[in-house]
Amino acid sequence: MHHEESADQHLAMLSEKLNLTDDQKEKIKPILQDQMRQMKAVHEDSSLSEEQKRAKMKSVHESLHDQINAVLTPEQQAKFKQMRQEQMQKHKGMEEGKEHE
């Protein structure tokens, strides 16, 4: 199943950027797997409107970030926050690009 794989990929990326310890990886992996399951469930829930799906995905993401933050050292938390801001900037750029079409 490719969802498990993407949790592993996500973990590998975080691990590399944040220099996670083995202990931290053990704690973060199930958090990521759980998030993947929740995302998939939201994605496949046909009773939700696009707007509701987006809102739900956002809350899944936010709870994921909180859970990961709890495992990180203050130094890693700062780096993690910066990574997320960079991703949001990139995402915003893409969103704005779409609107101009």
C-alpha atoms as a PDB file:
ATOM      1  CA  MET A   1       0.000   0.000   0.000  1.00  0.00           C
ATOM      2  CA  HIS A   2       1.522   3.283  -1.062  1.00  0.00           C
ATOM      3  CA  HIS A   3       0.209   5.239   1.934  1.00  0.00           C
ATOM      4  CA  GLU A   4       2.556   3.425   4.313  1.00  0.00           C
ATOM      5  CA  GLU A   5       5.405   4.102   1.942  1.00  0.00           C
ATOM      6  CA  SER A   6       4.713   7.816   1.916  1.00  0.00           C
ATOM      7  CA  ALA A   7       4.735   7.828   5.730  1.00  0.00           C
ATOM      8  CA  ASP A   8       8.200   6.270   5.509  1.00  0.00           C
ATOM      9  CA  GLN A   9       9.274   8.815   2.921  1.00  0.00           C
ATOM     10  CA  HIS A  10       7.974  11.664   5.054  1.00  0.00           C
ATOM     11  CA  LEU A  11       9.783  10.238   8.066  1.00  0.00           C
ATOM     12  CA  ALA A  12      13.026   9.918   6.077  1.00  0.00           C
ATOM     13  CA  MET A  13      12.748  13.542   4.975  1.00  0.00           C
ATOM     14  CA  LEU A  14      12.063  14.790   8.510  1.00  0.00           C
ATOM     15  CA  SER A  15      14.788  12.572   9.865  1.00  0.00           C
ATOM     16  CA  GLU A  16      17.309  14.001   7.446  1.00  0.00           C
ATOM     17  CA  LYS A  17      16.347  17.647   7.916  1.00  0.00           C
ATOM     18  CA  LEU A  18      15.882  17.517  11.675  1.00  0.00           C
ATOM     19  CA  ASN A  19      18.525  14.916  12.552  1.00  0.00           C
ATOM     20  CA  LEU A  20      16.033  12.740  14.405  1.00  0.00           C
ATOM     21  CA  THR A  21      17.271  10.183  16.907  1.00  0.00           C
ATOM     22  CA  ASP A  22      16.119   6.567  16.559  1.00  0.00           C
ATOM     23  CA  ASP A  23      13.903   7.114  19.571  1.00  0.00           C
ATOM     24  CA  GLN A  24      12.241  10.104  17.915  1.00  0.00           C
ATOM     25  CA  LYS A  25      11.756   8.168  14.675  1.00  0.00           C
ATOM     26  CA  GLU A  26      10.010   5.378  16.593  1.00  0.00           C
ATOM     27  CA  LYS A  27       7.611   7.923  18.095  1.00  0.00           C
ATOM     28  CA  ILE A  28       6.985   9.906  14.916  1.00  0.00           C
ATOM     29  CA  LYS A  29       6.414   7.002  12.521  1.00  0.00           C
ATOM     30  CA  PRO A  30       3.040   5.918  13.989  1.00  0.00           C
ATOM     31  CA  ILE A  31       1.947   9.582  14.079  1.00  0.00           C
ATOM     32  CA  LEU A  32       2.653   9.855  10.337  1.00  0.00           C
ATOM     33  CA  GLN A  33       0.959   6.535   9.570  1.00  0.00           C
ATOM     34  CA  ASP A  34      -2.100   7.604  11.512  1.00  0.00           C
ATOM     35  CA  GLN A  35      -2.169  10.888   9.624  1.00  0.00           C
ATOM     36  CA  MET A  36      -1.977   9.066   6.285  1.00  0.00           C
ATOM     37  CA  ARG A  37      -4.957   6.914   7.306  1.00  0.00           C
ATOM     38  CA  GLN A  38      -6.973   9.955   8.349  1.00  0.00           C
ATOM     39  CA  MET A  39      -6.138  11.803   5.124  1.00  0.00           C
ATOM     40  CA  LYS A  40      -7.169   8.800   3.066  1.00  0.00           C
ATOM     41  CA  ALA A  41     -10.452   8.540   4.979  1.00  0.00           C
ATOM     42  CA  VAL A  42     -11.205  12.231   4.411  1.00  0.00           C
ATOM     43  CA  HIS A  43     -10.242  11.916   0.757  1.00  0.00           C
ATOM     44  CA  GLU A  44     -12.562   8.950   0.243  1.00  0.00           C
ATOM     45  CA  ASP A  45     -15.488  10.417   2.183  1.00  0.00           C
ATOM     46  CA  SER A  46     -17.912  11.353  -0.579  1.00  0.00           C
ATOM     47  CA  SER A  47     -20.351  12.942   1.864  1.00  0.00           C
ATOM     48  CA  LEU A  48     -17.983  15.875   2.412  1.00  0.00           C
ATOM     49  CA  SER A  49     -17.850  18.935   0.174  1.00  0.00           C
ATOM     50  CA  GLU A  50     -14.464  20.131  -1.127  1.00  0.00           C
ATOM     51  CA  GLU A  51     -14.602  22.909   1.451  1.00  0.00           C
ATOM     52  CA  GLN A  52     -15.212  20.444   4.304  1.00  0.00           C
ATOM     53  CA  LYS A  53     -12.451  18.172   3.039  1.00  0.00           C
ATOM     54  CA  ARG A  54     -10.009  21.065   3.000  1.00  0.00           C
ATOM     55  CA  ALA A  55     -10.970  22.114   6.524  1.00  0.00           C
ATOM     56  CA  LYS A  56     -10.680  18.550   7.796  1.00  0.00           C
ATOM     57  CA  MET A  57      -7.303  18.016   6.109  1.00  0.00           C
ATOM     58  CA  LYS A  58      -6.099  21.228   7.701  1.00  0.00           C
ATOM     59  CA  SER A  59      -7.071  20.065  11.180  1.00  0.00           C
ATOM     60  CA  VAL A  60      -5.455  16.662  10.566  1.00  0.00           C
ATOM     61  CA  HIS A  61      -2.271  18.496   9.547  1.00  0.00           C
ATOM     62  CA  GLU A  62      -2.359  20.767  12.578  1.00  0.00           C
ATOM     63  CA  SER A  63      -2.792  17.925  15.027  1.00  0.00           C
ATOM     64  CA  LEU A  64       0.046  16.073  13.254  1.00  0.00           C
ATOM     65  CA  HIS A  65       2.335  19.071  13.684  1.00  0.00           C
ATOM     66  CA  ASP A  66       1.442  19.352  17.365  1.00  0.00           C
ATOM     67  CA  GLN A  67       2.167  15.662  17.919  1.00  0.00           C
ATOM     68  CA  ILE A  68       5.496  15.825  16.097  1.00  0.00           C
ATOM     69  CA  ASN A  69       6.451  19.014  17.938  1.00  0.00           C
ATOM     70  CA  ALA A  70       5.934  17.241  21.247  1.00  0.00           C
ATOM     71  CA  VAL A  71       8.656  14.739  20.298  1.00  0.00           C
ATOM     72  CA  LEU A  72      11.217  17.290  19.107  1.00  0.00           C
ATOM     73  CA  THR A  73      13.902  19.217  20.967  1.00  0.00           C
ATOM     74  CA  PRO A  74      13.505  23.029  21.027  1.00  0.00           C
ATOM     75  CA  GLU A  75      16.188  23.304  18.333  1.00  0.00           C
ATOM     76  CA  GLN A  76      14.380  20.801  16.105  1.00  0.00           C
ATOM     77  CA  GLN A  77      11.063  22.530  16.755  1.00  0.00           C
ATOM     78  CA  ALA A  78      12.469  25.796  15.436  1.00  0.00           C
ATOM     79  CA  LYS A  79      13.736  24.062  12.311  1.00  0.00           C
ATOM     80  CA  PHE A  80      10.449  22.195  11.852  1.00  0.00           C
ATOM     81  CA  LYS A  81       8.532  25.476  12.109  1.00  0.00           C
ATOM     82  CA  GLN A  82      10.793  27.046   9.504  1.00  0.00           C
ATOM     83  CA  MET A  83      10.305  24.062   7.171  1.00  0.00           C
ATOM     84  CA  ARG A  84       6.545  24.395   7.484  1.00  0.00           C
ATOM     85  CA  GLN A  85       6.650  28.119   6.769  1.00  0.00           C
ATOM     86  CA  GLU A  86       8.741  27.488   3.666  1.00  0.00           C
ATOM     87  CA  GLN A  87       6.256  24.845   2.519  1.00  0.00           C
ATOM     88  CA  MET A  88       3.358  27.225   3.114  1.00  0.00           C
ATOM     89  CA  GLN A  89       5.091  29.942   1.083  1.00  0.00           C
ATOM     90  CA  LYS A  90       5.638  27.484  -1.752  1.00  0.00           C
ATOM     91  CA  HIS A  91       2.044  26.311  -1.515  1.00  0.00           C
ATOM     92  CA  LYS A  92       0.790  29.889  -1.479  1.00  0.00           C
ATOM     93  CA  GLY A  93       2.818  30.660  -4.574  1.00  0.00           C
ATOM     94  CA  MET A  94       1.244  27.691  -6.332  1.00  0.00           C
ATOM     95  CA  GLU A  95      -2.264  28.707  -5.207  1.00  0.00           C
ATOM     96  CA  GLU A  96      -1.750  32.267  -6.437  1.00  0.00           C
ATOM     97  CA  GLY A  97      -0.402  30.963  -9.715  1.00  0.00           C
ATOM     98  CA  LYS A  98      -3.607  28.999 -10.226  1.00  0.00           C
ATOM     99  CA  GLU A  99      -5.813  32.019  -9.617  1.00  0.00           C
ATOM    100  CA  HIS A 100      -4.144  34.000 -12.395  1.00  0.00           C
ATOM    101  CA  GLU A 101      -4.878  31.434 -15.069  1.00  0.00           C
END
